[in-house]
Amino acid sequence: MRRSSECFSQRCHQPQRVASAVKAVAAVTVMAATLLLFACGGSTKDADDSSGASSTSLEASPQTVTTATPGPPPGATVEGFRDLQVGDCFEEITDSPAEDSAVWLLDCADPHAYEVYWITDYLGPGSGRGTSYPGTATVQNFSEQSCFDQFETFVGVRWTLSELDIRAWWPSEESWARADRKVICTVYSESGEELAGTQRGSAQ
């Protein structure tokens, strides 16, 4: 998995900020900053687009949630990353061999950094078992757009009007070779503070 702008061997993730802009039919314009190999960038949120159209725009940013701790939070249990389900709340594991493949699972009533709101398999170009890795940018773009498309359904408000932000996890080249196709979408606090309670239907 990926933390901040470093890519680990298991999966990749990145805090995304989807900016509003007019979009041609089914086209998604991505402005990617030049980063280190396998690096993931952030983006900025603009005002709501009255036309209802938007595109994914990414800019390099070190912004990340800073609540991960080396030890287990009170009441936490270890959960495999691939075993996460929609509605699960968690903290990242740090300073442990398990950080690449597991998280601290928490009751959503307890303070937590992330809540899973959408899970899907990668279905973009080059998808399918036995295929070669489509490339980081291709997998990233599909994953981010999938997460953006499902945000309002879960939270109850458009992303551009929300106090929450999106962080997406997707297969890395290494995990792809082990038949990993899972895309995991999570919400977290735009301010970096921990969440309390589920964000499902919160309209925040």
Protein backbone atom coordinates (compact mmCIF):
# COMPACT_ATOMS: atom_id res chain seq x y z
CA MET A 1 0.00 0.00 0.00
CA ARG A 2 1.14 3.57 -0.46
CA ARG A 3 1.45 6.22 2.23
CA SER A 4 1.95 9.88 1.44
CA SER A 5 4.05 9.91 -1.74
CA GLU A 6 5.87 6.63 -1.15
CA CYS A 7 4.79 3.42 -2.87
CA PHE A 8 4.92 0.23 -0.87
CA SER A 9 4.83 -3.28 -2.30
CA GLN A 10 1.19 -4.16 -1.64
CA ARG A 11 -1.17 -1.37 -2.68
CA CYS A 12 -1.27 2.29 -3.59
CA HIS A 13 -3.38 5.05 -2.09
CA GLN A 14 -3.57 8.78 -2.45
CA PRO A 15 -5.59 11.67 -1.02
CA GLN A 16 -7.47 13.06 -3.98
CA ARG A 17 -8.99 16.51 -4.39
CA VAL A 18 -11.35 16.52 -7.35
CA ALA A 19 -11.65 19.99 -8.89
CA SER A 20 -14.78 20.99 -10.80
CA ALA A 21 -14.50 21.71 -14.51
CA VAL A 22 -16.51 21.19 -17.67
CA LYS A 23 -16.04 17.66 -18.99
CA ALA A 24 -16.43 16.45 -22.57
CA VAL A 25 -18.52 13.33 -23.06
CA ALA A 26 -17.08 10.60 -20.81
CA ALA A 27 -13.69 12.37 -20.81
CA VAL A 28 -11.68 12.81 -17.66
CA THR A 29 -8.82 15.33 -17.79
CA VAL A 30 -6.01 14.56 -15.41
CA MET A 31 -3.26 17.08 -14.66
CA ALA A 32 -0.56 14.90 -13.07
CA ALA A 33 2.46 16.44 -11.39
CA THR A 34 5.86 14.84 -12.00
CA LEU A 35 6.56 12.70 -8.94
CA LEU A 36 8.95 9.96 -7.91
CA LEU A 37 8.35 6.53 -9.42
CA PHE A 38 5.01 5.19 -8.17
CA ALA A 39 4.37 8.45 -6.28
CA CYS A 40 0.77 9.57 -5.66
CA GLY A 41 -0.24 13.25 -5.62
CA GLY A 42 -3.07 15.29 -4.15
CA SER A 43 -5.39 17.83 -5.75
CA THR A 44 -7.44 20.84 -4.84
CA LYS A 45 -11.18 21.32 -4.46
CA ASP A 46 -12.82 24.14 -6.40
CA ALA A 47 -16.27 25.69 -6.21
CA ASP A 48 -19.27 23.61 -7.26
CA ASP A 49 -19.93 23.50 -11.00
CA SER A 50 -23.53 24.49 -11.68
CA SER A 51 -23.48 22.46 -14.89
CA GLY A 52 -23.07 19.29 -12.84
CA ALA A 53 -20.00 18.27 -14.86
CA SER A 54 -16.62 17.76 -13.26
CA SER A 55 -13.24 16.27 -14.00
CA THR A 56 -10.42 14.84 -11.96
CA SER A 57 -7.54 17.26 -11.48
CA LEU A 58 -4.46 16.30 -9.50
CA GLU A 59 -1.65 18.43 -8.14
CA ALA A 60 1.35 17.34 -6.13
CA SER A 61 0.65 17.76 -2.43
CA PRO A 62 2.14 16.34 0.76
CA GLN A 63 -1.24 16.56 2.54
CA THR A 64 -2.17 13.40 4.40
CA VAL A 65 -4.08 12.39 7.47
CA THR A 66 -1.64 12.34 10.38
CA THR A 67 -3.58 10.23 12.87
CA ALA A 68 -1.86 6.90 12.20
CA THR A 69 -0.08 5.56 15.27
CA PRO A 70 2.52 2.78 15.73
CA GLY A 71 0.45 1.09 18.44
CA PRO A 72 -3.17 -0.07 18.34
CA PRO A 73 -5.80 2.55 19.19
CA PRO A 74 -8.07 1.54 22.10
CA GLY A 75 -10.51 -1.15 20.99
CA ALA A 76 -8.81 -1.74 17.63
CA THR A 77 -8.31 -5.10 15.98
CA VAL A 78 -6.06 -5.97 13.05
CA GLU A 79 -7.91 -6.40 9.76
CA GLY A 80 -6.43 -7.50 6.45
CA PHE A 81 -6.60 -4.74 3.87
CA ARG A 82 -8.33 -6.99 1.35
CA ASP A 83 -10.92 -7.94 3.97
CA LEU A 84 -12.23 -4.40 4.46
CA GLN A 85 -15.92 -3.87 3.71
CA VAL A 86 -18.08 -0.83 3.02
CA GLY A 87 -18.86 0.85 6.33
CA ASP A 88 -15.62 -0.24 8.02
CA CYS A 89 -13.72 2.45 9.92
CA PHE A 90 -9.99 2.22 10.49
CA GLU A 91 -6.60 3.76 11.21
CA GLU A 92 -3.42 2.99 9.30
CA ILE A 93 -0.76 0.80 10.88
CA THR A 94 2.73 2.28 10.98
CA ASP A 95 6.16 0.99 12.00
CA SER A 96 5.20 -2.64 11.56
CA PRO A 97 5.65 -5.33 8.89
CA ALA A 98 1.84 -5.46 8.76
CA GLU A 99 1.54 -1.86 7.56
CA ASP A 100 1.66 -3.01 3.93
CA SER A 101 -1.26 -5.39 4.24
CA ALA A 102 -3.42 -4.56 7.28
CA VAL A 103 -5.10 -1.74 9.20
CA TRP A 104 -6.43 -1.07 12.70
CA LEU A 105 -10.17 -1.78 12.44
CA LEU A 106 -12.31 0.35 14.77
CA ASP A 107 -15.94 0.78 15.70
CA CYS A 108 -17.12 3.82 13.75
CA ALA A 109 -18.42 5.31 17.01
CA ASP A 110 -14.78 5.59 18.14
CA PRO A 111 -12.38 8.22 16.73
CA HIS A 112 -10.93 7.03 13.42
CA ALA A 113 -9.21 8.40 10.34
CA TYR A 114 -11.02 6.63 7.48
CA GLU A 115 -14.35 5.07 6.58
CA VAL A 116 -14.76 2.76 3.59
CA TYR A 117 -17.65 3.88 1.38
CA TRP A 118 -17.12 2.02 -1.91
CA ILE A 119 -15.27 -1.10 -3.05
CA THR A 120 -15.02 -2.35 -6.60
CA ASP A 121 -12.66 -4.30 -8.84
CA TYR A 122 -10.56 -2.48 -11.39
CA LEU A 123 -12.60 -2.60 -14.62
CA GLY A 124 -10.65 -0.13 -16.73
CA PRO A 125 -8.43 -0.73 -19.77
CA GLY A 126 -6.43 -3.93 -19.47
CA SER A 127 -8.58 -5.42 -16.73
CA GLY A 128 -9.00 -9.15 -16.25
CA ARG A 129 -7.11 -12.08 -14.83
CA GLY A 130 -3.77 -12.92 -16.36
CA THR A 131 -3.31 -9.49 -17.94
CA SER A 132 -0.22 -7.34 -17.52
CA TYR A 133 -0.39 -4.26 -15.30
CA PRO A 134 -2.09 -1.41 -17.23
CA GLY A 135 0.19 1.18 -15.65
CA THR A 136 -0.04 3.30 -12.52
CA ALA A 137 -1.70 6.29 -14.21
CA THR A 138 -4.38 4.15 -15.87
CA VAL A 139 -5.27 2.27 -12.69
CA GLN A 140 -5.13 5.46 -10.63
CA ASN A 141 -7.43 7.37 -12.98
CA PHE A 142 -10.05 4.61 -13.00
CA SER A 143 -9.90 4.28 -9.21
CA GLU A 144 -10.19 7.99 -8.49
CA GLN A 145 -13.08 8.45 -10.89
CA SER A 146 -14.90 5.46 -9.38
CA CYS A 147 -14.48 6.91 -5.90
CA PHE A 148 -15.64 10.35 -7.00
CA ASP A 149 -18.72 8.91 -8.72
CA GLN A 150 -19.86 7.10 -5.55
CA PHE A 151 -19.11 9.84 -3.00
CA GLU A 152 -22.45 11.66 -3.08
CA THR A 153 -24.44 8.42 -2.91
CA PHE A 154 -22.79 7.51 0.39
CA VAL A 155 -22.28 10.88 2.08
CA GLY A 156 -25.39 12.63 0.76
CA VAL A 157 -23.72 15.74 -0.61
CA ARG A 158 -21.52 16.50 -3.62
CA TRP A 159 -17.80 16.22 -2.98
CA THR A 160 -17.22 19.85 -3.96
CA LEU A 161 -19.58 20.96 -1.17
CA SER A 162 -18.40 18.47 1.45
CA GLU A 163 -16.23 18.88 4.53
CA LEU A 164 -14.88 15.41 3.79
CA ASP A 165 -12.20 14.32 1.38
CA ILE A 166 -11.52 11.19 -0.65
CA ARG A 167 -8.63 8.77 -0.36
CA ALA A 168 -8.42 5.90 -2.84
CA TRP A 169 -6.44 2.67 -2.68
CA TRP A 170 -5.74 0.66 -5.84
CA PRO A 171 -3.55 -2.29 -6.95
CA SER A 172 0.15 -1.70 -7.34
CA GLU A 173 2.11 -3.52 -10.04
CA GLU A 174 3.34 -6.01 -7.43
CA SER A 175 -0.09 -6.80 -5.99
CA TRP A 176 -1.58 -6.96 -9.51
CA ALA A 177 0.73 -9.90 -10.22
CA ARG A 178 -0.93 -11.64 -7.25
CA ALA A 179 -4.39 -11.19 -8.82
CA ASP A 180 -5.22 -8.07 -6.78
CA ARG A 181 -7.82 -5.98 -8.60
CA LYS A 182 -9.55 -4.33 -5.65
CA VAL A 183 -10.19 -0.57 -5.50
CA ILE A 184 -11.09 0.80 -2.06
CA CYS A 185 -12.60 4.27 -1.59
CA THR A 186 -12.57 6.00 1.79
CA VAL A 187 -13.62 9.32 3.27
CA TYR A 188 -11.58 11.28 5.77
CA SER A 189 -11.68 14.73 7.35
CA GLU A 190 -10.52 17.54 5.09
CA SER A 191 -8.87 19.19 8.12
CA GLY A 192 -6.98 16.02 9.04
CA GLU A 193 -8.90 15.60 12.28
CA GLU A 194 -10.28 12.21 13.24
CA LEU A 195 -13.87 11.31 12.40
CA ALA A 196 -16.45 10.22 14.95
CA GLY A 197 -19.46 8.21 13.83
CA THR A 198 -20.31 6.97 10.36
CA GLN A 199 -20.36 9.45 7.49
CA ARG A 200 -23.06 7.52 5.64
CA GLY A 201 -25.82 10.05 4.90
CA SER A 202 -24.13 12.71 7.05
CA ALA A 203 -24.34 15.36 4.28
CA GLN A 204 -21.16 16.91 5.69
